[in-house]
């Protein structure tokens, strides 16, 4: 399979406790490594629709969380276990990620 220009790369195993919502979302990201971010977010949206009692929140945030970018804005540090890639370059900020999502119409 050809790697997409805006995708994720797994750099470590999914560290979350097996069976939790976070672990399940991580399994989706793991299984879709190399696919377009748009497709990964679509799968995460479907996952949230099926599992969240309060409805869909922001499926794109899962990738921020797994890449450790969301923790840069909070006190809770998350060790990254995926990288978000755009044209082969690692996305290093929440602002850049959100900007790329907008430019890709996601």
PDB file of N, CA and C in Angstrom:
ATOM      1  N   UNK A   1       0.840  -1.179   0.000  1.00  0.00           N
ATOM      2  CA  UNK A   1       0.000   0.000   0.000  1.00  0.00           C
ATOM      3  C   UNK A   1       0.887   1.244   0.000  1.00  0.00           C
ATOM      4  N   UNK A   2       0.564   2.191  -0.846  1.00  0.00           N
ATOM      5  CA  UNK A   2       1.284   3.461  -0.915  1.00  0.00           C
ATOM      6  C   UNK A   2       0.902   4.317   0.292  1.00  0.00           C
ATOM      7  N   UNK A   3       1.905   4.930   0.943  1.00  0.00           N
ATOM      8  CA  UNK A   3       1.637   5.776   2.100  1.00  0.00           C
ATOM      9  C   UNK A   3       1.018   7.092   1.643  1.00  0.00           C
ATOM     10  N   UNK A   4      -0.011   7.548   2.360  1.00  0.00           N
ATOM     11  CA  UNK A   4      -0.693   8.797   2.053  1.00  0.00           C
ATOM     12  C   UNK A   4       0.199   9.994   2.393  1.00  0.00           C
ATOM     13  N   UNK A   5      -0.114  11.147   1.834  1.00  0.00           N
ATOM     14  CA  UNK A   5       0.715  12.333   2.098  1.00  0.00           C
ATOM     15  C   UNK A   5       0.394  12.962   3.461  1.00  0.00           C
ATOM     16  N   UNK A   6      -0.772  12.671   4.031  1.00  0.00           N
ATOM     17  CA  UNK A   6      -1.156  13.161   5.363  1.00  0.00           C
ATOM     18  C   UNK A   6      -1.658  11.953   6.128  1.00  0.00           C
ATOM     19  N   UNK A   7      -0.825  11.420   7.013  1.00  0.00           N
ATOM     20  CA  UNK A   7      -1.098  10.127   7.617  1.00  0.00           C
ATOM     21  C   UNK A   7      -0.498  10.033   9.013  1.00  0.00           C
ATOM     22  N   UNK A   8      -0.497   8.841   9.579  1.00  0.00           N
ATOM     23  CA  UNK A   8       0.177   8.581  10.848  1.00  0.00           C
ATOM     24  C   UNK A   8       1.157   7.436  10.676  1.00  0.00           C
ATOM     25  N   UNK A   9       2.185   7.490  11.524  1.00  0.00           N
ATOM     26  CA  UNK A   9       3.168   6.410  11.576  1.00  0.00           C
ATOM     27  C   UNK A   9       3.257   5.966  13.036  1.00  0.00           C
ATOM     28  N   UNK A  10       3.196   4.671  13.246  1.00  0.00           N
ATOM     29  CA  UNK A  10       3.288   4.113  14.593  1.00  0.00           C
ATOM     30  C   UNK A  10       4.767   3.991  14.950  1.00  0.00           C
ATOM     31  N   UNK A  11       5.145   4.564  16.106  1.00  0.00           N
ATOM     32  CA  UNK A  11       6.548   4.519  16.519  1.00  0.00           C
ATOM     33  C   UNK A  11       6.769   3.665  17.767  1.00  0.00           C
ATOM     34  N   UNK A  12       5.675   3.334  18.470  1.00  0.00           N
ATOM     35  CA  UNK A  12       5.730   2.477  19.662  1.00  0.00           C
ATOM     36  C   UNK A  12       4.406   1.728  19.758  1.00  0.00           C
ATOM     37  N   UNK A  13       4.354   0.665  20.540  1.00  0.00           N
ATOM     38  CA  UNK A  13       3.080  -0.038  20.728  1.00  0.00           C
ATOM     39  C   UNK A  13       2.053   0.844  21.462  1.00  0.00           C
ATOM     40  N   UNK A  14       0.798   0.575  21.220  1.00  0.00           N
ATOM     41  CA  UNK A  14      -0.302   1.246  21.908  1.00  0.00           C
ATOM     42  C   UNK A  14      -0.142   1.005  23.410  1.00  0.00           C
ATOM     43  N   UNK A  15       0.108   2.059  24.211  1.00  0.00           N
ATOM     44  CA  UNK A  15       0.406   1.884  25.628  1.00  0.00           C
ATOM     45  C   UNK A  15      -0.805   1.836  26.548  1.00  0.00           C
ATOM     46  N   UNK A  16      -1.984   1.996  26.014  1.00  0.00           N
ATOM     47  CA  UNK A  16      -3.177   2.117  26.850  1.00  0.00           C
ATOM     48  C   UNK A  16      -3.668   0.751  27.318  1.00  0.00           C
ATOM     49  N   UNK A  17      -4.379   0.781  28.440  1.00  0.00           N
ATOM     50  CA  UNK A  17      -4.869  -0.460  29.032  1.00  0.00           C
ATOM     51  C   UNK A  17      -5.878  -1.119  28.087  1.00  0.00           C
ATOM     52  N   UNK A  18      -5.611  -2.373  27.786  1.00  0.00           N
ATOM     53  CA  UNK A  18      -6.434  -3.120  26.832  1.00  0.00           C
ATOM     54  C   UNK A  18      -7.903  -3.097  27.239  1.00  0.00           C
ATOM     55  N   UNK A  19      -8.751  -2.863  26.252  1.00  0.00           N
ATOM     56  CA  UNK A  19     -10.191  -2.864  26.461  1.00  0.00           C
ATOM     57  C   UNK A  19     -10.783  -1.494  26.750  1.00  0.00           C
ATOM     58  N   UNK A  20      -9.951  -0.513  27.084  1.00  0.00           N
ATOM     59  CA  UNK A  20     -10.473   0.832  27.358  1.00  0.00           C
ATOM     60  C   UNK A  20     -10.835   1.528  26.051  1.00  0.00           C
ATOM     61  N   UNK A  21     -11.602   2.605  26.155  1.00  0.00           N
ATOM     62  CA  UNK A  21     -11.968   3.378  24.970  1.00  0.00           C
ATOM     63  C   UNK A  21     -10.716   3.923  24.277  1.00  0.00           C
ATOM     64  N   UNK A  22      -9.781   4.395  25.067  1.00  0.00           N
ATOM     65  CA  UNK A  22      -8.555   4.952  24.495  1.00  0.00           C
ATOM     66  C   UNK A  22      -7.765   3.878  23.764  1.00  0.00           C
ATOM     67  N   UNK A  23      -7.680   2.708  24.325  1.00  0.00           N
ATOM     68  CA  UNK A  23      -6.976   1.601  23.677  1.00  0.00           C
ATOM     69  C   UNK A  23      -7.659   1.241  22.357  1.00  0.00           C
ATOM     70  N   UNK A  24      -8.983   1.173  22.381  1.00  0.00           N
ATOM     71  CA  UNK A  24      -9.721   0.836  21.155  1.00  0.00           C
ATOM     72  C   UNK A  24      -9.511   1.880  20.063  1.00  0.00           C
ATOM     73  N   UNK A  25      -9.562   3.151  20.436  1.00  0.00           N
ATOM     74  CA  UNK A  25      -9.294   4.209  19.454  1.00  0.00           C
ATOM     75  C   UNK A  25      -7.864   4.075  18.930  1.00  0.00           C
ATOM     76  N   UNK A  26      -6.943   3.719  19.811  1.00  0.00           N
ATOM     77  CA  UNK A  26      -5.554   3.508  19.403  1.00  0.00           C
ATOM     78  C   UNK A  26      -5.407   2.350  18.440  1.00  0.00           C
ATOM     79  N   UNK A  27      -6.199   1.327  18.612  1.00  0.00           N
ATOM     80  CA  UNK A  27      -6.162   0.189  17.702  1.00  0.00           C
ATOM     81  C   UNK A  27      -6.611   0.597  16.298  1.00  0.00           C
ATOM     82  N   UNK A  28      -7.572   1.510  16.245  1.00  0.00           N
ATOM     83  CA  UNK A  28      -8.007   2.020  14.940  1.00  0.00           C
ATOM     84  C   UNK A  28      -6.850   2.747  14.267  1.00  0.00           C
ATOM     85  N   UNK A  29      -6.186   3.636  15.025  1.00  0.00           N
ATOM     86  CA  UNK A  29      -5.048   4.377  14.469  1.00  0.00           C
ATOM     87  C   UNK A  29      -3.943   3.415  14.037  1.00  0.00           C
ATOM     88  N   UNK A  30      -3.673   2.411  14.847  1.00  0.00           N
ATOM     89  CA  UNK A  30      -2.633   1.431  14.525  1.00  0.00           C
ATOM     90  C   UNK A  30      -2.978   0.675  13.242  1.00  0.00           C
ATOM     91  N   UNK A  31      -4.204   0.221  13.158  1.00  0.00           N
ATOM     92  CA  UNK A  31      -4.627  -0.551  11.995  1.00  0.00           C
ATOM     93  C   UNK A  31      -4.679   0.257  10.711  1.00  0.00           C
ATOM     94  N   UNK A  32      -4.775   1.586  10.859  1.00  0.00           N
ATOM     95  CA  UNK A  32      -4.887   2.437   9.675  1.00  0.00           C
ATOM     96  C   UNK A  32      -3.608   3.214   9.386  1.00  0.00           C
ATOM     97  N   UNK A  33      -2.508   2.798   9.992  1.00  0.00           N
ATOM     98  CA  UNK A  33      -1.222   3.445   9.735  1.00  0.00           C
ATOM     99  C   UNK A  33      -0.981   3.513   8.223  1.00  0.00           C
ATOM    100  N   UNK A  34      -0.582   4.697   7.749  1.00  0.00           N
ATOM    101  CA  UNK A  34      -0.311   4.880   6.326  1.00  0.00           C
ATOM    102  C   UNK A  34      -1.506   5.335   5.514  1.00  0.00           C
ATOM    103  N   UNK A  35      -2.716   5.235   6.080  1.00  0.00           N
ATOM    104  CA  UNK A  35      -3.920   5.713   5.388  1.00  0.00           C
ATOM    105  C   UNK A  35      -4.060   7.220   5.579  1.00  0.00           C
ATOM    106  N   UNK A  36      -4.868   7.841   4.732  1.00  0.00           N
ATOM    107  CA  UNK A  36      -5.119   9.279   4.852  1.00  0.00           C
ATOM    108  C   UNK A  36      -5.718   9.608   6.215  1.00  0.00           C
ATOM    109  N   UNK A  37      -5.281  10.706   6.825  1.00  0.00           N
ATOM    110  CA  UNK A  37      -5.829  11.157   8.103  1.00  0.00           C
ATOM    111  C   UNK A  37      -7.342  11.290   8.004  1.00  0.00           C
ATOM    112  N   UNK A  38      -7.834  11.775   6.869  1.00  0.00           N
ATOM    113  CA  UNK A  38      -9.284  11.920   6.672  1.00  0.00           C
ATOM    114  C   UNK A  38     -10.009  10.592   6.909  1.00  0.00           C
ATOM    115  N   UNK A  39      -9.455   9.507   6.404  1.00  0.00           N
ATOM    116  CA  UNK A  39     -10.064   8.184   6.580  1.00  0.00           C
ATOM    117  C   UNK A  39      -9.956   7.713   8.023  1.00  0.00           C
ATOM    118  N   UNK A  40      -8.836   7.995   8.663  1.00  0.00           N
ATOM    119  CA  UNK A  40      -8.652   7.599  10.062  1.00  0.00           C
ATOM    120  C   UNK A  40      -9.657   8.338  10.937  1.00  0.00           C
ATOM    121  N   UNK A  41      -9.815   9.632  10.696  1.00  0.00           N
ATOM    122  CA  UNK A  41     -10.771  10.417  11.482  1.00  0.00           C
ATOM    123  C   UNK A  41     -12.195   9.942  11.224  1.00  0.00           C
ATOM    124  N   UNK A  42     -12.503   9.576   9.997  1.00  0.00           N
ATOM    125  CA  UNK A  42     -13.829   9.027   9.684  1.00  0.00           C
ATOM    126  C   UNK A  42     -14.093   7.761  10.508  1.00  0.00           C
ATOM    127  N   UNK A  43     -13.090   6.886  10.603  1.00  0.00           N
ATOM    128  CA  UNK A  43     -13.227   5.655  11.392  1.00  0.00           C
ATOM    129  C   UNK A  43     -13.372   5.982  12.879  1.00  0.00           C
ATOM    130  N   UNK A  44     -12.618   6.955  13.365  1.00  0.00           N
ATOM    131  CA  UNK A  44     -12.725   7.354  14.774  1.00  0.00           C
ATOM    132  C   UNK A  44     -14.083   7.991  15.063  1.00  0.00           C
ATOM    133  N   UNK A  45     -14.621   8.726  14.095  1.00  0.00           N
ATOM    134  CA  UNK A  45     -15.966   9.302  14.252  1.00  0.00           C
ATOM    135  C   UNK A  45     -17.006   8.185  14.380  1.00  0.00           C
ATOM    136  N   UNK A  46     -16.905   7.181  13.525  1.00  0.00           N
ATOM    137  CA  UNK A  46     -17.836   6.048  13.594  1.00  0.00           C
ATOM    138  C   UNK A  46     -17.704   5.330  14.937  1.00  0.00           C
ATOM    139  N   UNK A  47     -16.479   5.185  15.410  1.00  0.00           N
ATOM    140  CA  UNK A  47     -16.213   4.569  16.713  1.00  0.00           C
ATOM    141  C   UNK A  47     -16.900   5.372  17.824  1.00  0.00           C
ATOM    142  N   UNK A  48     -16.754   6.689  17.800  1.00  0.00           N
ATOM    143  CA  UNK A  48     -17.395   7.516  18.822  1.00  0.00           C
ATOM    144  C   UNK A  48     -18.915   7.441  18.726  1.00  0.00           C
ATOM    145  N   UNK A  49     -19.447   7.420  17.519  1.00  0.00           N
ATOM    146  CA  UNK A  49     -20.904   7.323  17.360  1.00  0.00           C
ATOM    147  C   UNK A  49     -21.434   6.036  17.981  1.00  0.00           C
ATOM    148  N   UNK A  50     -20.660   4.967  17.881  1.00  0.00           N
ATOM    149  CA  UNK A  50     -21.078   3.665  18.403  1.00  0.00           C
ATOM    150  C   UNK A  50     -20.872   3.528  19.910  1.00  0.00           C
ATOM    151  N   UNK A  51     -19.901   4.245  20.465  1.00  0.00           N
ATOM    152  CA  UNK A  51     -19.511   3.960  21.844  1.00  0.00           C
ATOM    153  C   UNK A  51     -19.749   5.081  22.851  1.00  0.00           C
ATOM    154  N   UNK A  52     -19.848   6.307  22.412  1.00  0.00           N
ATOM    155  CA  UNK A  52     -20.003   7.426  23.360  1.00  0.00           C
ATOM    156  C   UNK A  52     -21.475   7.694  23.617  1.00  0.00           C
ATOM    157  N   UNK A  53     -21.833   7.740  24.894  1.00  0.00           N
ATOM    158  CA  UNK A  53     -23.221   8.030  25.260  1.00  0.00           C
ATOM    159  C   UNK A  53     -23.576   9.490  24.986  1.00  0.00           C
ATOM    160  N   UNK A  54     -22.592  10.366  25.051  1.00  0.00           N
ATOM    161  CA  UNK A  54     -22.825  11.797  24.877  1.00  0.00           C
ATOM    162  C   UNK A  54     -22.640  12.248  23.426  1.00  0.00           C
ATOM    163  N   UNK A  55     -22.426  11.326  22.511  1.00  0.00           N
ATOM    164  CA  UNK A  55     -22.260  11.679  21.109  1.00  0.00           C
ATOM    165  C   UNK A  55     -20.813  11.961  20.738  1.00  0.00           C
ATOM    166  N   UNK A  56     -20.616  12.337  19.504  1.00  0.00           N
ATOM    167  CA  UNK A  56     -19.279  12.586  18.966  1.00  0.00           C
ATOM    168  C   UNK A  56     -18.746  13.906  19.518  1.00  0.00           C
ATOM    169  N   UNK A  57     -17.496  13.888  19.948  1.00  0.00           N
ATOM    170  CA  UNK A  57     -16.865  15.099  20.471  1.00  0.00           C
ATOM    171  C   UNK A  57     -15.980  15.710  19.387  1.00  0.00           C
ATOM    172  N   UNK A  58     -14.801  15.165  19.195  1.00  0.00           N
ATOM    173  CA  UNK A  58     -13.845  15.655  18.193  1.00  0.00           C
ATOM    174  C   UNK A  58     -12.918  14.494  17.862  1.00  0.00           C
ATOM    175  N   UNK A  59     -13.280  13.663  16.903  1.00  0.00           N
ATOM    176  CA  UNK A  59     -12.468  12.485  16.600  1.00  0.00           C
ATOM    177  C   UNK A  59     -11.017  12.801  16.249  1.00  0.00           C
ATOM    178  N   UNK A  60     -10.753  13.985  15.715  1.00  0.00           N
ATOM    179  CA  UNK A  60      -9.394  14.364  15.342  1.00  0.00           C
ATOM    180  C   UNK A  60      -8.485  14.506  16.566  1.00  0.00           C
ATOM    181  N   UNK A  61      -9.074  14.705  17.737  1.00  0.00           N
ATOM    182  CA  UNK A  61      -8.278  14.884  18.947  1.00  0.00           C
ATOM    183  C   UNK A  61      -7.541  13.610  19.343  1.00  0.00           C
ATOM    184  N   UNK A  62      -8.068  12.439  18.965  1.00  0.00           N
ATOM    185  CA  UNK A  62      -7.392  11.185  19.312  1.00  0.00           C
ATOM    186  C   UNK A  62      -5.961  11.178  18.780  1.00  0.00           C
ATOM    187  N   UNK A  63      -5.790  11.599  17.551  1.00  0.00           N
ATOM    188  CA  UNK A  63      -4.453  11.588  16.961  1.00  0.00           C
ATOM    189  C   UNK A  63      -3.533  12.570  17.664  1.00  0.00           C
ATOM    190  N   UNK A  64      -4.070  13.730  18.060  1.00  0.00           N
ATOM    191  CA  UNK A  64      -3.273  14.684  18.847  1.00  0.00           C
ATOM    192  C   UNK A  64      -2.813  14.054  20.153  1.00  0.00           C
ATOM    193  N   UNK A  65      -3.722  13.364  20.793  1.00  0.00           N
ATOM    194  CA  UNK A  65      -3.435  12.703  22.067  1.00  0.00           C
ATOM    195  C   UNK A  65      -2.345  11.644  21.884  1.00  0.00           C
ATOM    196  N   UNK A  66      -2.503  10.788  20.889  1.00  0.00           N
ATOM    197  CA  UNK A  66      -1.553   9.696  20.668  1.00  0.00           C
ATOM    198  C   UNK A  66      -0.171  10.209  20.241  1.00  0.00           C
ATOM    199  N   UNK A  67      -0.144  11.362  19.576  1.00  0.00           N
ATOM    200  CA  UNK A  67       1.127  11.940  19.129  1.00  0.00           C
ATOM    201  C   UNK A  67       1.785  12.784  20.219  1.00  0.00           C
ATOM    202  N   UNK A  68       1.131  12.896  21.371  1.00  0.00           N
ATOM    203  CA  UNK A  68       1.693  13.672  22.471  1.00  0.00           C
ATOM    204  C   UNK A  68       1.557  15.164  22.296  1.00  0.00           C
ATOM    205  N   UNK A  69       0.870  15.616  21.259  1.00  0.00           N
ATOM    206  CA  UNK A  69       0.732  17.048  21.008  1.00  0.00           C
ATOM    207  C   UNK A  69      -0.286  17.699  21.938  1.00  0.00           C
ATOM    208  N   UNK A  70      -1.343  16.987  22.277  1.00  0.00           N
ATOM    209  CA  UNK A  70      -2.363  17.545  23.160  1.00  0.00           C
ATOM    210  C   UNK A  70      -1.783  17.807  24.545  1.00  0.00           C
ATOM    211  N   UNK A  71      -0.857  16.967  24.974  1.00  0.00           N
ATOM    212  CA  UNK A  71      -0.277  17.135  26.306  1.00  0.00           C
ATOM    213  C   UNK A  71       0.654  18.336  26.380  1.00  0.00           C
ATOM    214  N   UNK A  72       1.077  18.853  25.245  1.00  0.00           N
ATOM    215  CA  UNK A  72       1.925  20.047  25.242  1.00  0.00           C
ATOM    216  C   UNK A  72       1.139  21.248  25.750  1.00  0.00           C
ATOM    217  N   UNK A  73      -0.197  21.198  25.651  1.00  0.00           N
ATOM    218  CA  UNK A  73      -1.039  22.300  26.082  1.00  0.00           C
ATOM    219  C   UNK A  73      -1.631  22.070  27.469  1.00  0.00           C
ATOM    220  N   UNK A  74      -1.318  20.963  28.096  1.00  0.00           N
ATOM    221  CA  UNK A  74      -1.841  20.676  29.434  1.00  0.00           C
ATOM    222  C   UNK A  74      -0.714  20.217  30.347  1.00  0.00           C
ATOM    223  N   UNK A  75      -1.049  20.043  31.604  1.00  0.00           N
ATOM    224  CA  UNK A  75      -0.053  19.576  32.568  1.00  0.00           C
ATOM    225  C   UNK A  75       0.150  18.065  32.471  1.00  0.00           C
ATOM    226  N   UNK A  76      -0.814  17.365  31.923  1.00  0.00           N
ATOM    227  CA  UNK A  76      -0.741  15.909  31.815  1.00  0.00           C
ATOM    228  C   UNK A  76       0.110  15.530  30.602  1.00  0.00           C
ATOM    229  N   UNK A  77       1.275  14.999  30.839  1.00  0.00           N
ATOM    230  CA  UNK A  77       2.199  14.648  29.754  1.00  0.00           C
ATOM    231  C   UNK A  77       1.888  13.254  29.222  1.00  0.00           C
ATOM    232  N   UNK A  78       1.810  13.159  27.914  1.00  0.00           N
ATOM    233  CA  UNK A  78       1.560  11.888  27.232  1.00  0.00           C
ATOM    234  C   UNK A  78       2.763  11.580  26.369  1.00  0.00           C
ATOM    235  N   UNK A  79       3.355  10.435  26.585  1.00  0.00           N
ATOM    236  CA  UNK A  79       4.474   9.995  25.762  1.00  0.00           C
ATOM    237  C   UNK A  79       3.940   9.646  24.369  1.00  0.00           C
ATOM    238  N   UNK A  80       4.441  10.280  23.318  1.00  0.00           N
ATOM    239  CA  UNK A  80       3.920   9.988  21.976  1.00  0.00           C
ATOM    240  C   UNK A  80       4.223   8.558  21.547  1.00  0.00           C
ATOM    241  N   UNK A  81       3.267   7.947  20.881  1.00  0.00           N
ATOM    242  CA  UNK A  81       3.495   6.606  20.332  1.00  0.00           C
ATOM    243  C   UNK A  81       3.111   6.530  18.858  1.00  0.00           C
ATOM    244  N   UNK A  82       2.637   7.664  18.319  1.00  0.00           N
ATOM    245  CA  UNK A  82       2.455   7.795  16.870  1.00  0.00           C
ATOM    246  C   UNK A  82       3.074   9.119  16.446  1.00  0.00           C
ATOM    247  N   UNK A  83       3.313   9.251  15.159  1.00  0.00           N
ATOM    248  CA  UNK A  83       3.682  10.535  14.573  1.00  0.00           C
ATOM    249  C   UNK A  83       2.659  10.855  13.502  1.00  0.00           C
ATOM    250  N   UNK A  84       2.242  12.103  13.468  1.00  0.00           N
ATOM    251  CA  UNK A  84       1.376  12.581  12.398  1.00  0.00           C
ATOM    252  C   UNK A  84       2.318  13.135  11.331  1.00  0.00           C
ATOM    253  N   UNK A  85       2.164  12.660  10.113  1.00  0.00           N
ATOM    254  CA  UNK A  85       3.055  13.067   9.024  1.00  0.00           C
ATOM    255  C   UNK A  85       2.288  13.825   7.953  1.00  0.00           C
ATOM    256  N   UNK A  86       2.917  14.864   7.438  1.00  0.00           N
ATOM    257  CA  UNK A  86       2.393  15.582   6.279  1.00  0.00           C
ATOM    258  C   UNK A  86       3.534  15.715   5.287  1.00  0.00           C
ATOM    259  N   UNK A  87       3.379  15.126   4.131  1.00  0.00           N
ATOM    260  CA  UNK A  87       4.430  15.086   3.100  1.00  0.00           C
ATOM    261  C   UNK A  87       5.760  14.593   3.680  1.00  0.00           C
ATOM    262  N   UNK A  88       5.671  13.586   4.546  1.00  0.00           N
ATOM    263  CA  UNK A  88       6.855  12.956   5.113  1.00  0.00           C
ATOM    264  C   UNK A  88       7.457  13.676   6.299  1.00  0.00           C
ATOM    265  N   UNK A  89       6.948  14.859   6.642  1.00  0.00           N
ATOM    266  CA  UNK A  89       7.457  15.642   7.774  1.00  0.00           C
ATOM    267  C   UNK A  89       6.539  15.465   8.987  1.00  0.00           C
ATOM    268  N   UNK A  90       7.138  15.371  10.165  1.00  0.00           N
ATOM    269  CA  UNK A  90       6.367  15.209  11.401  1.00  0.00           C
ATOM    270  C   UNK A  90       5.696  16.532  11.757  1.00  0.00           C
ATOM    271  N   UNK A  91       4.386  16.459  12.052  1.00  0.00           N
ATOM    272  CA  UNK A  91       3.622  17.615  12.510  1.00  0.00           C
ATOM    273  C   UNK A  91       3.952  17.804  13.987  1.00  0.00           C
ATOM    274  N   UNK A  92       4.392  18.999  14.373  1.00  0.00           N
ATOM    275  CA  UNK A  92       4.912  19.215  15.728  1.00  0.00           C
ATOM    276  C   UNK A  92       4.077  20.136  16.612  1.00  0.00           C
ATOM    277  N   UNK A  93       2.929  20.595  16.115  1.00  0.00           N
ATOM    278  CA  UNK A  93       2.103  21.460  16.961  1.00  0.00           C
ATOM    279  C   UNK A  93       0.625  21.243  16.681  1.00  0.00           C
ATOM    280  N   UNK A  94      -0.172  21.541  17.697  1.00  0.00           N
ATOM    281  CA  UNK A  94      -1.624  21.439  17.559  1.00  0.00           C
ATOM    282  C   UNK A  94      -2.099  22.420  16.487  1.00  0.00           C
ATOM    283  N   UNK A  95      -1.566  23.627  16.509  1.00  0.00           N
ATOM    284  CA  UNK A  95      -1.984  24.645  15.545  1.00  0.00           C
ATOM    285  C   UNK A  95      -1.707  24.189  14.113  1.00  0.00           C
ATOM    286  N   UNK A  96      -0.533  23.617  13.883  1.00  0.00           N
ATOM    287  CA  UNK A  96      -0.192  23.140  12.544  1.00  0.00           C
ATOM    288  C   UNK A  96      -1.123  22.004  12.127  1.00  0.00           C
ATOM    289  N   UNK A  97      -1.398  21.091  13.033  1.00  0.00           N
ATOM    290  CA  UNK A  97      -2.307  19.967  12.754  1.00  0.00           C
ATOM    291  C   UNK A  97      -3.698  20.479  12.380  1.00  0.00           C
ATOM    292  N   UNK A  98      -4.235  21.390  13.181  1.00  0.00           N
ATOM    293  CA  UNK A  98      -5.571  21.934  12.912  1.00  0.00           C
ATOM    294  C   UNK A  98      -5.593  22.691  11.580  1.00  0.00           C
ATOM    295  N   UNK A  99      -4.536  23.404  11.291  1.00  0.00           N
ATOM    296  CA  UNK A  99      -4.421  24.118  10.019  1.00  0.00           C
ATOM    297  C   UNK A  99      -4.430  23.132   8.840  1.00  0.00           C
ATOM    298  N   UNK A 100      -3.688  22.034   8.987  1.00  0.00           N
ATOM    299  CA  UNK A 100      -3.659  21.013   7.933  1.00  0.00           C
ATOM    300  C   UNK A 100      -5.020  20.364   7.753  1.00  0.00           C
ATOM    301  N   UNK A 101      -5.731  20.125   8.853  1.00  0.00           N
ATOM    302  CA  UNK A 101      -7.073  19.554   8.754  1.00  0.00           C
ATOM    303  C   UNK A 101      -7.972  20.475   7.938  1.00  0.00           C
ATOM    304  N   UNK A 102      -7.901  21.761   8.218  1.00  0.00           N
ATOM    305  CA  UNK A 102      -8.713  22.736   7.467  1.00  0.00           C
ATOM    306  C   UNK A 102      -8.341  22.756   5.993  1.00  0.00           C
ATOM    307  N   UNK A 103      -7.036  22.749   5.715  1.00  0.00           N
ATOM    308  CA  UNK A 103      -6.597  22.813   4.320  1.00  0.00           C
ATOM    309  C   UNK A 103      -6.968  21.546   3.546  1.00  0.00           C
ATOM    310  N   UNK A 104      -7.136  20.433   4.257  1.00  0.00           N
ATOM    311  CA  UNK A 104      -7.533  19.170   3.628  1.00  0.00           C
ATOM    312  C   UNK A 104      -9.050  18.979   3.638  1.00  0.00           C
ATOM    313  N   UNK A 105      -9.766  20.000   4.133  1.00  0.00           N
ATOM    314  CA  UNK A 105     -11.240  19.941   4.246  1.00  0.00           C
ATOM    315  C   UNK A 105     -11.703  18.786   5.118  1.00  0.00           C
ATOM    316  N   UNK A 106     -11.058  18.614   6.248  1.00  0.00           N
ATOM    317  CA  UNK A 106     -11.422  17.534   7.181  1.00  0.00           C
ATOM    318  C   UNK A 106     -12.155  18.140   8.358  1.00  0.00           C
TER     319      UNK A 106
END
